[in-house]
């Protein structure tokens, strides 16, 4: 059975108000009284009614996570970490997929429906900083690079430096014709532009020419797009000896196309990706990649949202950077 505050109070021999003070962290409770209440809580396995607590604060206890595509494994994995981090605050997470569509992003940024959610963790593609600033919506934390210096707190990683480091790894293996798969020239392609800049920086630092023929666009970052881009590079005659794919799903598609072409990875062509999705740890060969700390990204986003809800809503927006590391596996081992 679920015990109530009244049951704890009776067990501890105190008032319901005293139990409430202990549960809510009120400091002015005598140590011996606090000890009796905490002992009664443990004996009864009492759990606070979070729904009632949220309602007293005028909240629902629900936040939302809105991402472009749930079938991109990076976002699915990130969602798991957000749910875990939000549980520490007693929050339930509503997960929405926007498809990168402006109208759907406008709906979620406006709070979905009145009073449905307390806050939003949001990875936008279509909406600009000005558009977000003009929405009278819910408190939010932004993820990613699309909205720079915008109207809300933001969690990012250093895409340029990460892309430079993974490209430099390929150069360090003696690779000289390094292709890049995933470039995008649309307004939504902010991550692509940053990763392309890091790739170009690494080439420049090594004294290698930037060759447009080695840069393959991808309208989306799915496996099929990676395979198509890799086939296009191979049939164009440029014959790369390494490939930096701007996310891991592109890299998985590229691995398939290289296998179909009878090329060995990494002996003939080294392949690296970005995101460290679980599939890359089980591909053949296993995939070298940039590994953003997804658990830390989620934790920082949830904590920023909690601070915004409990603090000054008009305080200046903050930007926090999450760490990453290189995971070097079989697809880029030196031959």
Protein backbone atom coordinates (compact mmCIF):
# COMPACT_ATOMS: atom_id res chain seq x y z
CA UNK A 1 0.00 0.00 0.00
CA UNK A 2 1.10 3.59 -0.58
CA UNK A 3 1.67 5.37 2.73
CA UNK A 4 0.73 9.01 3.32
CA UNK A 5 2.31 11.87 5.25
CA UNK A 6 -0.21 11.16 8.00
CA UNK A 7 1.08 7.59 8.36
CA UNK A 8 4.67 8.82 8.71
CA UNK A 9 3.58 11.42 11.25
CA UNK A 10 1.81 8.82 13.37
CA UNK A 11 4.80 6.45 13.24
CA UNK A 12 7.22 9.25 14.22
CA UNK A 13 4.92 10.82 16.82
CA UNK A 14 5.00 14.25 15.18
CA UNK A 15 2.65 16.48 13.21
CA UNK A 16 2.00 16.18 9.49
CA UNK A 17 3.52 19.66 9.12
CA UNK A 18 6.78 18.46 10.68
CA UNK A 19 6.96 15.53 8.28
CA UNK A 20 6.35 17.91 5.38
CA UNK A 21 9.16 20.15 6.62
CA UNK A 22 11.58 17.23 6.71
CA UNK A 23 10.55 15.92 3.28
CA UNK A 24 10.93 19.39 1.73
CA UNK A 25 14.34 20.03 3.30
CA UNK A 26 13.26 22.70 5.79
CA UNK A 27 16.34 23.40 7.91
CA UNK A 28 14.66 24.49 11.16
CA UNK A 29 13.82 21.02 12.45
CA UNK A 30 15.44 19.63 15.62
CA UNK A 31 18.01 16.91 14.81
CA UNK A 32 16.33 14.31 17.02
CA UNK A 33 12.94 15.05 15.45
CA UNK A 34 14.42 14.86 11.95
CA UNK A 35 16.01 11.52 12.80
CA UNK A 36 12.66 10.08 14.02
CA UNK A 37 10.89 11.25 10.87
CA UNK A 38 13.60 9.89 8.57
CA UNK A 39 13.47 6.55 10.41
CA UNK A 40 9.69 6.40 9.96
CA UNK A 41 10.05 7.29 6.27
CA UNK A 42 12.50 4.41 5.82
CA UNK A 43 10.38 1.92 7.76
CA UNK A 44 7.26 2.74 5.74
CA UNK A 45 9.15 3.13 2.44
CA UNK A 46 7.33 6.44 2.04
CA UNK A 47 7.62 8.20 -1.32
CA UNK A 48 6.56 11.85 -1.67
CA UNK A 49 3.64 12.60 -3.96
CA UNK A 50 5.50 14.50 -6.66
CA UNK A 51 2.34 15.30 -8.59
CA UNK A 52 0.90 17.16 -5.62
CA UNK A 53 4.18 18.99 -5.09
CA UNK A 54 4.27 20.11 -8.72
CA UNK A 55 0.66 21.28 -8.56
CA UNK A 56 1.42 23.39 -5.47
CA UNK A 57 4.09 25.15 -7.52
CA UNK A 58 1.67 25.66 -10.41
CA UNK A 59 3.48 23.08 -12.55
CA UNK A 60 2.69 19.80 -14.28
CA UNK A 61 5.94 17.95 -13.57
CA UNK A 62 6.26 17.28 -17.31
CA UNK A 63 8.97 18.64 -19.60
CA UNK A 64 9.39 17.99 -23.31
CA UNK A 65 12.33 16.97 -25.46
CA UNK A 66 11.86 17.94 -29.12
CA UNK A 67 14.31 16.63 -31.73
CA UNK A 68 14.26 16.54 -35.54
CA UNK A 69 14.27 12.76 -36.04
CA UNK A 70 13.95 9.90 -33.61
CA UNK A 71 15.22 7.40 -36.18
CA UNK A 72 18.62 9.12 -36.06
CA UNK A 73 20.25 6.96 -33.36
CA UNK A 74 22.08 9.91 -31.79
CA UNK A 75 18.78 11.55 -30.83
CA UNK A 76 17.28 8.29 -29.59
CA UNK A 77 20.30 7.69 -27.37
CA UNK A 78 20.27 11.28 -26.15
CA UNK A 79 16.57 10.96 -25.26
CA UNK A 80 17.38 8.07 -22.93
CA UNK A 81 19.89 10.21 -21.05
CA UNK A 82 17.46 13.13 -20.81
CA UNK A 83 14.80 10.86 -19.30
CA UNK A 84 17.34 9.60 -16.74
CA UNK A 85 18.55 13.10 -15.82
CA UNK A 86 14.99 14.46 -15.58
CA UNK A 87 13.99 11.69 -13.17
CA UNK A 88 16.33 13.21 -10.57
CA UNK A 89 14.02 16.24 -10.55
CA UNK A 90 10.84 14.15 -10.45
CA UNK A 91 10.02 15.10 -14.03
CA UNK A 92 8.34 13.05 -16.73
CA UNK A 93 9.64 13.66 -20.26
CA UNK A 94 7.33 14.04 -23.25
CA UNK A 95 9.31 13.30 -26.45
CA UNK A 96 8.31 14.95 -29.72
CA UNK A 97 9.67 14.69 -33.26
CA UNK A 98 9.55 17.87 -35.33
CA UNK A 99 10.98 16.64 -38.63
CA UNK A 100 12.77 19.97 -38.79
CA UNK A 101 9.50 21.54 -39.97
CA UNK A 102 9.06 25.22 -39.07
CA UNK A 103 5.40 24.97 -38.04
CA UNK A 104 5.95 21.93 -35.83
CA UNK A 105 8.96 23.59 -34.22
CA UNK A 106 6.81 26.67 -33.59
CA UNK A 107 4.21 24.50 -31.85
CA UNK A 108 6.70 22.88 -29.48
CA UNK A 109 8.53 26.15 -28.79
CA UNK A 110 5.20 27.72 -27.84
CA UNK A 111 4.62 25.08 -25.17
CA UNK A 112 2.75 22.48 -27.29
CA UNK A 113 -0.58 23.32 -25.63
CA UNK A 114 -1.40 25.58 -22.71
CA UNK A 115 -0.06 24.26 -19.39
CA UNK A 116 0.93 20.87 -20.79
CA UNK A 117 4.66 21.18 -20.08
CA UNK A 118 6.79 23.17 -17.66
CA UNK A 119 9.82 23.46 -19.92
CA UNK A 120 11.41 22.31 -23.15
CA UNK A 121 14.76 20.89 -24.26
CA UNK A 122 14.83 21.61 -27.97
CA UNK A 123 17.05 20.85 -30.96
CA UNK A 124 15.74 23.23 -33.66
CA UNK A 125 16.54 23.15 -37.36
CA UNK A 126 14.09 25.56 -38.98
CA UNK A 127 13.43 28.35 -36.47
CA UNK A 128 15.90 31.21 -36.18
CA UNK A 129 16.99 33.08 -33.05
CA UNK A 130 14.69 35.99 -33.90
CA UNK A 131 11.71 33.69 -34.40
CA UNK A 132 12.34 31.98 -31.07
CA UNK A 133 12.76 35.32 -29.32
CA UNK A 134 9.38 36.48 -30.60
CA UNK A 135 7.52 33.44 -29.28
CA UNK A 136 5.81 33.84 -25.94
CA UNK A 137 6.40 30.24 -25.05
CA UNK A 138 7.68 27.92 -22.38
CA UNK A 139 11.13 28.12 -20.75
CA UNK A 140 13.57 26.21 -22.94
CA UNK A 141 17.13 24.98 -23.33
CA UNK A 142 18.49 24.66 -26.86
CA UNK A 143 20.73 21.89 -28.14
CA UNK A 144 23.10 22.17 -31.08
CA UNK A 145 24.35 24.86 -33.40
CA UNK A 146 21.36 26.08 -35.40
CA UNK A 147 20.54 29.00 -33.06
CA UNK A 148 23.69 30.89 -32.04
CA UNK A 149 23.59 33.54 -29.31
CA UNK A 150 19.86 33.12 -29.17
CA UNK A 151 17.13 33.84 -26.66
CA UNK A 152 17.60 30.75 -24.48
CA UNK A 153 20.18 28.72 -22.60
CA UNK A 154 22.12 26.36 -24.85
CA UNK A 155 24.29 23.23 -24.64
CA UNK A 156 26.82 22.63 -27.42
CA UNK A 157 30.00 20.74 -28.20
CA UNK A 158 33.00 22.16 -30.05
CA UNK A 159 32.23 20.74 -33.48
CA UNK A 160 35.07 22.55 -35.24
CA UNK A 161 37.78 21.27 -32.90
CA UNK A 162 36.31 17.76 -32.80
CA UNK A 163 36.20 17.58 -36.61
CA UNK A 164 39.74 18.93 -36.81
CA UNK A 165 40.99 16.28 -34.38
CA UNK A 166 39.35 13.32 -36.11
CA UNK A 167 40.63 14.52 -39.50
CA UNK A 168 44.11 15.00 -38.04
CA UNK A 169 43.93 11.40 -36.84
CA UNK A 170 43.45 10.29 -40.45
CA UNK A 171 46.33 12.50 -41.59
CA UNK A 172 48.48 10.96 -38.87
CA UNK A 173 47.85 7.56 -40.43
CA UNK A 174 49.48 8.79 -43.64
CA UNK A 175 46.20 9.40 -45.48
CA UNK A 176 46.38 12.24 -47.98
CA UNK A 177 43.20 12.08 -50.06
CA UNK A 178 40.65 12.45 -47.31
CA UNK A 179 37.04 12.81 -48.39
CA UNK A 180 34.25 14.41 -46.35
CA UNK A 181 30.66 13.16 -46.53
CA UNK A 182 27.73 15.21 -45.21
CA UNK A 183 28.19 18.81 -46.35
CA UNK A 184 25.01 20.91 -46.46
CA UNK A 185 24.54 24.46 -47.73
CA UNK A 186 21.06 25.06 -46.32
CA UNK A 187 20.32 27.24 -43.31
CA UNK A 188 19.57 24.08 -41.33
CA UNK A 189 23.06 22.67 -41.93
CA UNK A 190 24.87 24.48 -39.09
CA UNK A 191 26.51 21.33 -37.73
CA UNK A 192 27.62 20.36 -41.22
CA UNK A 193 29.27 23.74 -41.77
CA UNK A 194 31.16 23.57 -38.48
CA UNK A 195 32.39 20.03 -39.13
CA UNK A 196 33.43 20.98 -42.65
CA UNK A 197 35.37 23.93 -41.21
CA UNK A 198 37.23 21.64 -38.81
CA UNK A 199 38.01 19.22 -41.63
CA UNK A 200 39.40 22.07 -43.78
CA UNK A 201 41.44 23.42 -40.84
CA UNK A 202 43.13 20.05 -40.35
CA UNK A 203 44.01 19.78 -44.05
CA UNK A 204 45.41 23.30 -44.05
CA UNK A 205 47.51 22.68 -40.93
CA UNK A 206 49.02 19.58 -42.57
CA UNK A 207 49.81 21.40 -45.82
CA UNK A 208 47.17 19.47 -47.78
CA UNK A 209 44.95 21.06 -50.42
CA UNK A 210 41.22 21.37 -49.86
CA UNK A 211 39.67 19.64 -52.88
CA UNK A 212 35.97 20.27 -53.55
CA UNK A 213 35.86 17.01 -55.51
CA UNK A 214 36.47 15.15 -52.26
CA UNK A 215 33.57 16.85 -50.43
CA UNK A 216 30.28 15.01 -50.92
CA UNK A 217 26.96 16.62 -49.91
CA UNK A 218 24.22 14.69 -48.17
CA UNK A 219 20.66 16.10 -48.07
CA UNK A 220 20.00 14.05 -44.93
CA UNK A 221 22.34 12.16 -42.62
CA UNK A 222 20.94 8.66 -43.00
CA UNK A 223 22.66 5.41 -43.97
CA UNK A 224 21.31 5.58 -47.52
CA UNK A 225 22.72 9.08 -47.96
CA UNK A 226 26.15 7.91 -46.81
CA UNK A 227 26.10 4.96 -49.17
CA UNK A 228 25.01 7.13 -52.11
CA UNK A 229 27.67 9.75 -51.38
CA UNK A 230 30.38 7.10 -51.11
CA UNK A 231 29.34 5.50 -54.40
CA UNK A 232 29.43 8.92 -56.02
CA UNK A 233 32.97 9.55 -54.80
CA UNK A 234 34.14 6.15 -56.04
CA UNK A 235 32.62 6.55 -59.51
CA UNK A 236 33.91 10.12 -59.87
CA UNK A 237 37.48 8.93 -60.07
CA UNK A 238 38.80 10.86 -57.04
CA UNK A 239 39.53 7.61 -55.13
CA UNK A 240 39.94 8.77 -51.53
CA UNK A 241 42.15 6.85 -49.13
CA UNK A 242 40.12 8.01 -46.09
CA UNK A 243 36.64 9.37 -45.40
CA UNK A 244 35.37 11.60 -42.60
CA UNK A 245 31.60 11.19 -42.37
CA UNK A 246 29.76 13.92 -40.48
CA UNK A 247 27.76 11.43 -38.45
CA UNK A 248 27.90 7.71 -37.77
CA UNK A 249 24.85 6.75 -39.83
CA UNK A 250 26.49 8.28 -42.89
CA UNK A 251 29.61 6.30 -42.03
CA UNK A 252 27.67 3.04 -41.79
CA UNK A 253 26.28 3.67 -45.26
CA UNK A 254 29.76 4.47 -46.55
CA UNK A 255 31.09 1.21 -45.11
CA UNK A 256 28.43 -0.69 -47.04
CA UNK A 257 29.28 1.05 -50.32
CA UNK A 258 33.00 0.38 -49.84
CA UNK A 259 32.28 -3.30 -49.18
CA UNK A 260 30.17 -3.51 -52.33
CA UNK A 261 33.03 -1.95 -54.30
CA UNK A 262 35.47 -4.59 -53.05
CA UNK A 263 37.54 -2.10 -51.04
CA UNK A 264 38.95 -3.02 -47.65
CA UNK A 265 38.51 -0.89 -44.54
CA UNK A 266 40.90 0.31 -43.23
CA UNK A 267 43.56 -1.14 -45.55
CA UNK A 268 42.32 0.65 -48.70
CA UNK A 269 40.14 3.36 -47.16
CA UNK A 270 39.97 4.48 -43.53
CA UNK A 271 36.52 5.59 -42.32
CA UNK A 272 35.57 7.73 -39.33
CA UNK A 273 32.26 9.12 -38.13
CA UNK A 274 30.78 11.41 -35.50
CA UNK A 275 28.35 10.71 -32.60
CA UNK A 276 29.48 7.30 -31.24
CA UNK A 277 26.15 5.54 -31.70
CA UNK A 278 25.88 1.98 -30.46
CA UNK A 279 25.63 0.52 -33.98
CA UNK A 280 29.19 1.66 -34.70
CA UNK A 281 30.54 -0.48 -31.87
CA UNK A 282 29.15 -3.60 -33.57
CA UNK A 283 29.71 -2.84 -37.27
CA UNK A 284 32.36 -4.74 -39.24
CA UNK A 285 34.84 -3.19 -38.85
CA UNK A 286 33.98 -1.28 -35.69
CA UNK A 287 33.73 2.44 -36.36
CA UNK A 288 36.16 5.12 -35.23
CA UNK A 289 34.24 8.23 -34.24
CA UNK A 290 33.93 11.43 -32.27
CA UNK A 291 32.09 10.58 -29.06
CA UNK A 292 30.16 13.51 -27.55
CA UNK A 293 29.38 12.93 -23.88
CA UNK A 294 25.65 12.44 -24.39
CA UNK A 295 25.02 11.83 -20.69
CA UNK A 296 26.68 15.14 -19.85
CA UNK A 297 24.79 16.97 -22.61
CA UNK A 298 21.52 15.69 -21.14
CA UNK A 299 22.53 16.47 -17.57
CA UNK A 300 23.61 20.03 -18.42
CA UNK A 301 20.41 20.66 -20.37
CA UNK A 302 18.17 19.39 -17.56
CA UNK A 303 20.08 21.38 -14.93
CA UNK A 304 19.90 24.56 -17.01
CA UNK A 305 16.16 24.06 -17.38
CA UNK A 306 15.75 23.48 -13.63
CA UNK A 307 17.73 26.64 -12.87
CA UNK A 308 15.61 28.61 -15.32
CA UNK A 309 12.35 27.34 -13.79
CA UNK A 310 13.43 28.00 -10.20
CA UNK A 311 15.51 31.13 -10.82
CA UNK A 312 15.17 34.43 -12.64
CA UNK A 313 13.38 33.84 -15.99
CA UNK A 314 14.81 37.11 -17.30
CA UNK A 315 18.44 36.30 -16.49
CA UNK A 316 20.87 36.36 -19.46
CA UNK A 317 21.04 33.16 -21.48
CA UNK A 318 23.93 30.83 -20.70
CA UNK A 319 25.89 28.60 -23.06
CA UNK A 320 27.61 25.47 -21.75
CA UNK A 321 29.96 23.21 -23.69
CA UNK A 322 29.93 19.46 -23.13
CA UNK A 323 33.09 17.36 -23.59
CA UNK A 324 33.83 14.80 -26.27
CA UNK A 325 36.56 12.26 -26.98
CA UNK A 326 37.86 10.32 -29.95
CA UNK A 327 36.96 6.62 -30.00
CA UNK A 328 39.51 5.04 -32.35
CA UNK A 329 38.45 1.59 -33.51
CA UNK A 330 39.08 -0.85 -36.36
CA UNK A 331 37.85 1.33 -39.24
CA UNK A 332 40.84 3.65 -38.97
CA UNK A 333 43.59 1.49 -37.58
CA UNK A 334 46.90 1.90 -39.42
CA UNK A 335 47.43 -0.83 -41.99
